[in-house]
Amino acid sequence: MAKKTKTATKAVKFQLLPITKAKKDRLQVVADNFREIYAVAAYRLPSLEKTSQYGSRRALNRLRIELHPITIVAAQIAQEAIEYARANYETMQTQKSKIRKTIERLEYEIGRIDEKIEKPGKRERVRKKLARKIRRKRRGLRTPYPILTHNIIRIHNQSWSFVHKNDRIYVVLPVEKIGTRYRKIWLPLKESEHYRHLISNTNKWGVGQLDLDTDTFITSITVKREDVRYEPETFIGIDLGLNNIATLAVVQDGKVVEVRMWSGKEVEHTRRRFREYRRTVSKIGRVDLLNANRGREQRWMAYTNHVVSKQIAEIVLAYPKPLVVFEELYRFVDRVPWNFYQIRQMIEYKVVPVRTLGIHPARTSVICNRCGGDDPDNRHGVHFHCTKCGYRVHADVNAAINIAKKGEWVLQQAKKKESAKNLSTTTTQSHNGDVP
């Protein structure tokens, strides 16, 4: 019997070597034009697609004609700007529909407060808390179309390529349009055995994205993996936050066997020093010092994430068949002053081949991990005190335990659905076999 395989898309990030100022200026002109095309497309596409006489494809073609006078970049870059705007608009609409459903649920909860809570003081506190949540959620409905905030250029996968020349790897991009031809630019990549192996053994790449702020080139590849059944024995929940950068809880057979916390006090102290330095230098007008210090805080943040993720990986790999469970915090990335996505990525590649799982973070911070009590008043800052059973613990520890247990529950539900689906398929086949 042949083994089942499944395909997955994997993002690959390449670090660029320093380039000349002339190349930087040319790329910045292209990035500005990419942003201009994106902004017009994001603003015009919704109205064009809603017009009855224009289908989706006809709307795109009409938009390309409208944008022709302002397009100075290669046609493949302009096309990706339009496609990227449309994809982001669809994603934004999906997120808005989820937000509306959440607001409806919160408004329903407000309407039932009088029935559920008897104490007037507690009832008013819960009502105000839910009203704040609704106001916060409604902010996400204000933006009518997506706005590009990153300094990037996206290129169609058939328009860029990797080239080996003079013992060095270059990524070659078509940038500016000159008459009927396109001027190409060669960008050197940082050398590594991993890069060489990847480029030599990959035939098809995805859309390329050049980030001018971080000097990186990001693309994607399609990988095939054997669909091997993974039965975890240990569930490890990781809660990421600012009071504690990471809190880890190990659960085996429903029991907590280990808890570990990485404090954020020293991190907050260092970040405060960076803020004070920027404020002082800005007051005296020393722009040269600001430019010289640019990126230093990001490098320190990346090093801190590396140290924490390495220690977490050592703990994870010490347990039999672990499953690492994270909260999906993608919605809060722009609102927190720490790169939690980076630390999660670091943990994921350091614990390979251990599997990881992302769960919805709903109510993991207020549910009691012992009795299941779900009272919003259970948590007060960093302290957790269950109003139902009296259990007391650090709030981040309680959240990490809930994340681990929720990961186990999600896996059990997935198994039940799969077994029910297999049973339904088997029953259908047997019935079909009985039909003469």
Protein backbone atom coordinates (compact mmCIF):
# COMPACT_ATOMS: atom_id res chain seq x y z
CA MET A 1 0.00 0.00 0.00
CA ALA A 2 1.45 3.37 -1.02
CA LYS A 3 2.10 5.87 1.73
CA LYS A 4 -0.13 8.93 1.72
CA THR A 5 1.60 12.26 1.18
CA LYS A 6 0.36 15.78 1.68
CA THR A 7 1.72 19.05 0.34
CA ALA A 8 2.36 22.17 2.35
CA THR A 9 3.58 25.66 1.48
CA LYS A 10 6.65 26.78 3.39
CA ALA A 11 7.96 30.34 3.55
CA VAL A 12 11.69 30.83 2.99
CA LYS A 13 13.56 33.99 3.98
CA PHE A 14 16.90 34.95 2.38
CA GLN A 15 19.15 37.62 3.87
CA LEU A 16 20.62 40.10 1.39
CA LEU A 17 24.18 41.40 1.44
CA PRO A 18 24.75 45.20 1.54
CA ILE A 19 24.16 46.95 -1.80
CA THR A 20 25.19 50.32 -3.22
CA LYS A 21 23.24 53.52 -2.54
CA ALA A 22 22.34 53.79 -6.24
CA LYS A 23 20.66 50.37 -6.15
CA LYS A 24 18.86 51.30 -2.93
CA ASP A 25 17.52 54.49 -4.50
CA ARG A 26 16.29 52.60 -7.59
CA LEU A 27 14.58 49.98 -5.42
CA GLN A 28 12.97 52.70 -3.29
CA VAL A 29 11.48 54.31 -6.41
CA VAL A 30 10.03 50.92 -7.37
CA ALA A 31 8.69 50.36 -3.82
CA ASP A 32 7.00 53.79 -3.84
CA ASN A 33 5.34 53.02 -7.18
CA PHE A 34 4.29 49.58 -5.88
CA ARG A 35 2.64 51.26 -2.88
CA GLU A 36 0.91 53.81 -5.14
CA ILE A 37 -0.51 51.06 -7.40
CA TYR A 38 -1.55 49.04 -4.34
CA ALA A 39 -3.35 52.04 -2.79
CA VAL A 40 -5.33 52.80 -5.97
CA ALA A 41 -6.19 49.11 -6.47
CA ALA A 42 -7.30 48.67 -2.86
CA TYR A 43 -9.54 51.74 -3.17
CA ARG A 44 -11.03 50.96 -6.62
CA LEU A 45 -11.38 47.16 -6.68
CA PRO A 46 -14.32 46.89 -4.22
CA SER A 47 -16.46 49.32 -6.24
CA LEU A 48 -15.50 47.70 -9.58
CA GLU A 49 -16.28 44.17 -8.38
CA LYS A 50 -19.67 45.23 -6.99
CA THR A 51 -20.68 46.81 -10.32
CA SER A 52 -22.93 44.35 -12.14
CA GLN A 53 -21.37 44.95 -15.59
CA TYR A 54 -17.88 43.99 -14.36
CA GLY A 55 -16.93 40.49 -13.28
CA SER A 56 -13.88 39.91 -11.11
CA ARG A 57 -11.50 39.28 -14.02
CA ARG A 58 -12.90 42.14 -16.13
CA ALA A 59 -12.54 44.44 -13.13
CA LEU A 60 -8.85 43.54 -12.85
CA ASN A 61 -8.26 44.15 -16.56
CA ARG A 62 -10.06 47.51 -16.41
CA LEU A 63 -7.99 48.48 -13.37
CA ARG A 64 -4.72 47.60 -15.12
CA ILE A 65 -5.70 49.94 -17.98
CA GLU A 66 -6.54 52.74 -15.52
CA LEU A 67 -3.22 52.30 -13.70
CA HIS A 68 -1.10 52.26 -16.85
CA PRO A 69 -0.29 56.03 -16.80
CA ILE A 70 1.17 55.89 -13.26
CA THR A 71 2.99 52.55 -13.70
CA ILE A 72 6.78 52.85 -14.03
CA VAL A 73 7.61 49.37 -12.73
CA ALA A 74 7.64 46.05 -14.58
CA ALA A 75 4.19 44.74 -15.52
CA GLN A 76 4.69 41.67 -13.30
CA ILE A 77 5.24 43.91 -10.26
CA ALA A 78 2.17 46.01 -11.06
CA GLN A 79 0.12 42.84 -11.48
CA GLU A 80 1.28 41.55 -8.07
CA ALA A 81 0.41 44.90 -6.46
CA ILE A 82 -3.17 44.55 -7.74
CA GLU A 83 -3.43 40.87 -6.77
CA TYR A 84 -1.97 41.60 -3.32
CA ALA A 85 -4.50 44.40 -2.79
CA ARG A 86 -7.38 42.11 -3.76
CA ALA A 87 -6.14 39.27 -1.51
CA ASN A 88 -5.75 41.64 1.45
CA TYR A 89 -9.21 43.12 0.82
CA GLU A 90 -10.79 39.65 0.88
CA THR A 91 -8.89 38.78 4.06
CA MET A 92 -10.04 42.05 5.65
CA GLN A 93 -13.66 41.29 4.76
CA THR A 94 -13.38 37.83 6.32
CA GLN A 95 -11.94 39.34 9.50
CA LYS A 96 -14.71 41.96 9.59
CA SER A 97 -17.40 39.27 9.38
CA LYS A 98 -15.76 37.47 12.32
CA ILE A 99 -15.64 40.75 14.27
CA ARG A 100 -19.36 41.37 13.61
CA LYS A 101 -20.22 37.89 14.90
CA THR A 102 -18.12 38.52 18.01
CA ILE A 103 -19.87 41.87 18.61
CA GLU A 104 -23.28 40.16 18.27
CA ARG A 105 -22.23 37.54 20.83
CA LEU A 106 -20.98 40.20 23.28
CA GLU A 107 -24.18 42.24 22.88
CA TYR A 108 -26.19 39.08 23.57
CA GLU A 109 -24.14 38.51 26.74
CA ILE A 110 -24.83 42.11 27.86
CA GLY A 111 -28.55 41.50 27.39
CA ARG A 112 -28.40 38.44 29.67
CA ILE A 113 -26.33 39.99 32.47
CA ASP A 114 -29.40 40.75 34.60
CA GLU A 115 -30.42 37.07 34.48
CA LYS A 116 -26.95 35.61 35.11
CA ILE A 117 -25.54 37.97 37.77
CA GLU A 118 -27.46 38.92 40.91
CA LYS A 119 -25.06 41.38 42.61
CA PRO A 120 -25.57 44.93 41.21
CA GLY A 121 -21.92 45.97 41.63
CA LYS A 122 -20.53 42.91 39.87
CA ARG A 123 -23.21 43.21 37.18
CA GLU A 124 -22.13 46.79 36.40
CA ARG A 125 -18.44 45.83 36.27
CA VAL A 126 -19.09 43.00 33.82
CA ARG A 127 -21.33 45.25 31.69
CA LYS A 128 -18.60 47.91 31.45
CA LYS A 129 -15.98 45.29 30.64
CA LEU A 130 -18.09 43.84 27.80
CA ALA A 131 -18.86 47.36 26.51
CA ARG A 132 -15.10 48.09 26.35
CA LYS A 133 -14.58 44.90 24.38
CA ILE A 134 -17.29 45.90 21.92
CA ARG A 135 -15.76 49.37 21.43
CA ARG A 136 -12.34 47.77 20.87
CA LYS A 137 -13.76 45.33 18.33
CA ARG A 138 -15.59 48.07 16.42
CA ARG A 139 -12.30 49.82 15.73
CA GLY A 140 -11.50 46.98 13.34
CA LEU A 141 -14.57 47.88 11.24
CA ARG A 142 -13.52 51.46 10.54
CA THR A 143 -10.96 50.86 7.76
CA PRO A 144 -12.83 50.65 4.41
CA TYR A 145 -9.91 49.16 2.47
CA PRO A 146 -6.48 47.65 3.32
CA ILE A 147 -3.48 49.97 3.69
CA LEU A 148 0.07 48.85 2.89
CA THR A 149 2.34 49.74 5.80
CA HIS A 150 5.49 47.80 4.86
CA ASN A 151 8.17 49.00 2.44
CA ILE A 152 8.01 46.00 0.09
CA ILE A 153 8.07 44.95 -3.56
CA ARG A 154 6.29 41.78 -4.73
CA ILE A 155 7.22 40.04 -7.99
CA HIS A 156 5.44 37.28 -9.93
CA ASN A 157 7.17 33.90 -9.54
CA GLN A 158 7.93 33.61 -13.28
CA SER A 159 9.67 36.98 -13.41
CA TRP A 160 12.51 36.60 -10.90
CA SER A 161 15.22 33.94 -10.56
CA PHE A 162 18.29 32.83 -8.63
CA VAL A 163 21.61 32.96 -10.50
CA HIS A 164 25.00 31.47 -9.56
CA LYS A 165 27.84 33.72 -10.71
CA ASN A 166 31.45 34.13 -9.50
CA ASP A 167 30.87 31.74 -6.55
CA ARG A 168 28.02 33.91 -5.33
CA ILE A 169 24.22 33.61 -5.38
CA TYR A 170 22.15 36.49 -6.74
CA VAL A 171 18.41 37.07 -6.93
CA VAL A 172 17.62 38.81 -10.23
CA LEU A 173 14.53 41.02 -10.35
CA PRO A 174 12.92 43.00 -13.19
CA VAL A 175 12.26 46.47 -11.83
CA GLU A 176 11.84 49.56 -14.02
CA LYS A 177 10.10 49.71 -17.39
CA ILE A 178 12.22 51.31 -20.14
CA GLY A 179 10.25 51.50 -23.38
CA THR A 180 9.29 47.93 -24.24
CA ARG A 181 12.03 46.36 -22.13
CA TYR A 182 12.69 45.98 -18.39
CA ARG A 183 15.82 46.84 -16.48
CA LYS A 184 16.92 44.05 -14.13
CA ILE A 185 18.73 44.40 -10.85
CA TRP A 186 21.05 41.82 -9.27
CA LEU A 187 20.96 41.49 -5.46
CA PRO A 188 23.61 39.34 -3.71
CA LEU A 189 22.46 36.86 -1.07
CA LYS A 190 24.18 35.95 2.16
CA GLU A 191 26.07 32.66 1.74
CA SER A 192 25.11 29.48 3.63
CA GLU A 193 25.04 25.75 2.95
CA HIS A 194 21.31 25.70 3.66
CA TYR A 195 20.65 28.37 1.00
CA ARG A 196 22.81 26.57 -1.58
CA HIS A 197 21.11 23.23 -0.95
CA LEU A 198 17.66 24.80 -1.10
CA ILE A 199 18.29 26.70 -4.34
CA SER A 200 19.96 23.71 -6.04
CA ASN A 201 17.14 21.29 -5.16
CA THR A 202 14.07 23.48 -5.75
CA ASN A 203 12.57 23.85 -9.21
CA LYS A 204 9.50 25.95 -8.52
CA TRP A 205 9.26 29.01 -6.29
CA GLY A 206 6.33 31.17 -5.23
CA VAL A 207 5.83 34.93 -5.42
CA GLY A 208 8.92 36.86 -4.38
CA GLN A 209 8.74 39.67 -1.81
CA LEU A 210 11.61 42.10 -1.26
CA ASP A 211 11.52 43.92 2.09
CA LEU A 212 13.65 47.07 1.91
CA ASP A 213 13.46 47.78 5.65
CA THR A 214 14.92 44.44 6.75
CA ASP A 215 17.04 43.70 3.61
CA THR A 216 15.39 40.31 3.14
CA PHE A 217 13.91 38.43 0.20
CA ILE A 218 10.98 36.16 1.07
CA THR A 219 9.43 33.51 -1.15
CA SER A 220 7.74 30.13 -0.71
CA ILE A 221 8.19 26.52 -1.78
CA THR A 222 5.86 23.54 -1.87
CA VAL A 223 7.07 20.54 0.14
CA LYS A 224 5.67 17.01 0.26
CA ARG A 225 5.44 15.15 3.55
CA GLU A 226 4.38 11.65 4.44
CA ASP A 227 1.08 11.66 6.28
CA VAL A 228 2.37 9.84 9.37
CA ARG A 229 0.02 9.48 12.33
CA TYR A 230 1.45 11.38 15.30
CA GLU A 231 0.11 10.38 18.73
CA PRO A 232 1.43 12.86 21.34
CA GLU A 233 1.90 11.74 24.94
CA THR A 234 2.94 15.13 26.38
CA PHE A 235 1.15 18.45 25.87
CA ILE A 236 3.24 21.58 26.40
CA GLY A 237 1.39 24.91 26.58
CA ILE A 238 3.31 28.15 26.04
CA ASP A 239 1.82 31.50 27.03
CA LEU A 240 3.61 34.56 25.60
CA GLY A 241 3.28 37.95 27.26
CA LEU A 242 4.99 41.09 28.55
CA ASN A 243 5.03 40.45 32.32
CA ASN A 244 6.66 37.12 31.53
CA ILE A 245 8.09 36.70 28.03
CA ALA A 246 7.12 33.03 28.08
CA THR A 247 5.41 30.70 30.54
CA LEU A 248 5.61 26.96 29.91
CA ALA A 249 3.41 24.22 31.40
CA VAL A 250 3.88 20.48 30.75
CA VAL A 251 0.78 18.27 31.04
CA GLN A 252 0.89 14.46 30.98
CA ASP A 253 -2.23 12.31 31.52
CA GLY A 254 -4.12 15.41 32.63
CA LYS A 255 -1.56 16.26 35.35
CA VAL A 256 0.83 19.22 35.42
CA VAL A 257 4.37 17.85 35.75
CA GLU A 258 6.46 20.99 35.13
CA VAL A 259 6.07 24.76 35.03
CA ARG A 260 8.70 27.27 33.92
CA MET A 261 8.59 31.07 33.61
CA TRP A 262 10.89 33.58 31.86
CA SER A 263 10.50 36.94 33.58
CA GLY A 264 10.08 40.13 31.58
CA LYS A 265 11.36 42.56 34.26
CA GLU A 266 14.90 42.79 32.91
CA VAL A 267 13.54 43.03 29.37
CA GLU A 268 11.24 45.91 30.33
CA HIS A 269 14.17 47.67 32.06
CA THR A 270 16.31 47.42 28.89
CA ARG A 271 13.43 48.58 26.67
CA ARG A 272 12.93 51.59 28.98
CA ARG A 273 16.60 52.50 28.54
CA PHE A 274 16.21 52.32 24.74
CA ARG A 275 13.15 54.63 24.93
CA GLU A 276 14.95 57.14 27.15
CA TYR A 277 17.96 57.16 24.83
CA ARG A 278 15.78 57.82 21.77
CA ARG A 279 13.93 60.58 23.61
CA THR A 280 17.17 62.26 24.75
CA VAL A 281 18.82 62.09 21.32
CA SER A 282 15.65 63.41 19.63
CA LYS A 283 15.53 66.42 22.00
CA ILE A 284 19.09 67.48 21.15
CA GLY A 285 18.47 66.90 17.43
CA ARG A 286 21.23 64.31 16.87
CA VAL A 287 19.75 62.48 13.88
CA ASP A 288 23.15 60.87 13.18
CA LEU A 289 23.04 59.09 16.55
CA LEU A 290 19.49 57.90 15.90
CA ASN A 291 20.54 56.44 12.54
CA ALA A 292 23.61 54.79 14.07
CA ASN A 293 21.49 53.21 16.79
CA ARG A 294 18.78 52.02 14.35
CA GLY A 295 18.24 48.30 14.51
CA ARG A 296 20.11 47.86 17.80
CA GLU A 297 16.92 47.27 19.79
CA GLN A 298 15.66 44.77 17.17
CA ARG A 299 18.95 42.84 17.34
CA TRP A 300 18.79 42.73 21.13
CA MET A 301 15.15 41.59 20.95
CA ALA A 302 16.10 38.83 18.48
CA TYR A 303 18.96 37.68 20.74
CA THR A 304 16.65 37.56 23.77
CA ASN A 305 14.13 35.52 21.79
CA HIS A 306 16.94 33.18 20.70
CA VAL A 307 18.04 32.54 24.29
CA VAL A 308 14.49 31.93 25.56
CA SER A 309 13.52 29.73 22.59
CA LYS A 310 16.68 27.62 23.01
CA GLN A 311 15.87 26.92 26.67
CA ILE A 312 12.25 26.08 25.79
CA ALA A 313 13.42 23.71 23.02
CA GLU A 314 15.67 21.85 25.48
CA ILE A 315 12.71 21.29 27.82
CA VAL A 316 10.40 20.20 24.98
CA LEU A 317 12.86 17.67 23.54
CA ALA A 318 13.35 16.07 26.97
CA TYR A 319 9.75 14.69 27.01
CA PRO A 320 8.37 11.72 25.05
CA LYS A 321 6.24 12.53 21.97
CA PRO A 322 5.50 16.16 22.88
CA LEU A 323 3.00 18.49 21.21
CA VAL A 324 3.76 22.21 21.63
CA VAL A 325 0.62 24.34 21.82
CA PHE A 326 0.59 28.12 21.20
CA GLU A 327 -2.08 30.79 21.24
CA GLU A 328 -2.81 32.32 17.82
CA LEU A 329 -1.88 35.96 18.53
CA TYR A 330 -1.73 37.18 14.90
CA ARG A 331 -4.52 39.71 15.55
CA PHE A 332 -2.48 41.45 18.28
CA VAL A 333 0.89 41.59 16.48
CA ASP A 334 0.64 45.33 15.70
CA ARG A 335 -0.55 46.26 19.20
CA VAL A 336 2.23 44.72 21.33
CA PRO A 337 5.82 46.01 21.64
CA TRP A 338 7.45 42.59 21.35
CA ASN A 339 8.02 40.17 18.45
CA PHE A 340 6.07 37.14 19.69
CA TYR A 341 5.77 35.79 16.15
CA GLN A 342 9.58 35.64 15.95
CA ILE A 343 9.96 33.70 19.21
CA ARG A 344 7.29 31.24 18.07
CA GLN A 345 9.12 30.70 14.76
CA MET A 346 12.38 30.12 16.63
CA ILE A 347 10.77 27.54 18.91
CA GLU A 348 9.16 25.75 15.96
CA TYR A 349 12.37 25.25 14.01
CA LYS A 350 14.43 24.36 17.11
CA VAL A 351 12.07 21.56 18.19
CA VAL A 352 11.84 19.87 14.75
CA PRO A 353 10.52 17.14 14.25
CA VAL A 354 8.17 17.85 17.17
CA ARG A 355 4.69 18.96 16.04
CA THR A 356 3.18 22.31 17.03
CA LEU A 357 -0.44 23.46 17.23
CA GLY A 358 -2.08 26.89 17.30
CA ILE A 359 -5.34 27.37 19.20
CA HIS A 360 -7.81 30.22 19.59
CA PRO A 361 -6.89 32.23 22.73
CA ALA A 362 -10.50 32.76 23.85
CA ARG A 363 -10.83 32.79 27.67
CA THR A 364 -7.62 30.85 28.39
CA SER A 365 -6.67 33.56 30.91
CA VAL A 366 -9.89 33.53 32.98
CA ILE A 367 -10.89 29.83 33.05
CA CYS A 368 -9.76 27.88 36.11
CA ASN A 369 -7.63 24.94 35.00
CA ARG A 370 -8.84 22.84 37.97
CA CYS A 371 -12.61 23.26 38.20
CA GLY A 372 -13.35 24.97 34.88
CA GLY A 373 -14.86 28.05 36.52
CA ASP A 374 -15.37 30.76 33.89
CA ASP A 375 -15.78 33.99 35.85
CA PRO A 376 -14.24 37.21 34.42
CA ASP A 377 -13.37 38.22 38.00
CA ASN A 378 -11.06 35.22 38.38
CA ARG A 379 -8.10 37.21 37.10
CA HIS A 380 -6.72 40.40 38.64
CA GLY A 381 -3.54 41.45 36.84
CA VAL A 382 -0.90 38.77 37.37
CA HIS A 383 -2.95 37.06 40.11
CA PHE A 384 -5.51 34.32 39.46
CA HIS A 385 -8.05 33.44 42.16
CA CYS A 386 -10.95 31.19 41.20
CA THR A 387 -14.20 32.47 42.72
CA LYS A 388 -15.69 28.97 42.43
CA CYS A 389 -13.09 26.64 44.03
CA GLY A 390 -10.66 29.11 45.62
CA TYR A 391 -7.64 27.96 43.57
CA ARG A 392 -4.79 30.52 43.54
CA VAL A 393 -1.88 30.65 41.09
CA HIS A 394 0.02 33.07 38.85
CA ALA A 395 -2.26 34.12 35.98
CA ASP A 396 0.32 33.25 33.29
CA VAL A 397 0.81 29.75 34.75
CA ASN A 398 -2.94 29.18 34.70
CA ALA A 399 -3.08 30.36 31.07
CA ALA A 400 -0.21 28.06 30.01
CA ILE A 401 -1.92 25.05 31.63
CA ASN A 402 -5.21 25.93 29.90
CA ILE A 403 -3.40 26.23 26.55
CA ALA A 404 -1.88 22.75 26.97
CA LYS A 405 -5.22 21.20 27.96
CA LYS A 406 -7.07 23.00 25.18
CA GLY A 407 -4.54 21.62 22.69
CA GLU A 408 -5.29 18.11 23.94
CA TRP A 409 -9.04 18.76 23.66
CA VAL A 410 -8.69 20.11 20.09
CA LEU A 411 -6.75 16.98 19.10
CA GLN A 412 -9.40 14.70 20.62
CA GLN A 413 -12.18 16.53 18.75
CA ALA A 414 -10.25 16.21 15.48
CA LYS A 415 -9.88 12.46 16.04
CA LYS A 416 -13.61 12.08 16.73
CA LYS A 417 -14.50 13.95 13.52
CA GLU A 418 -12.05 11.86 11.50
CA SER A 419 -13.33 8.56 12.94
CA ALA A 420 -16.95 9.63 12.27
CA LYS A 421 -16.01 10.57 8.69
CA ASN A 422 -14.25 7.22 8.14
CA LEU A 423 -17.25 5.37 9.59
CA SER A 424 -19.62 7.28 7.27
CA THR A 425 -17.42 6.49 4.24
CA THR A 426 -17.25 2.79 5.15
CA THR A 427 -21.01 2.60 5.65
CA THR A 428 -21.67 4.29 2.29
CA GLN A 429 -19.33 1.90 0.50
CA SER A 430 -20.95 -1.14 2.10
CA HIS A 431 -24.43 0.08 1.11
CA ASN A 432 -23.24 0.75 -2.43
CA GLY A 433 -21.90 -2.78 -2.55
CA ASP A 434 -25.29 -4.23 -1.63
CA VAL A 435 -27.07 -2.50 -4.49
CA PRO A 436 -27.62 -5.02 -7.33
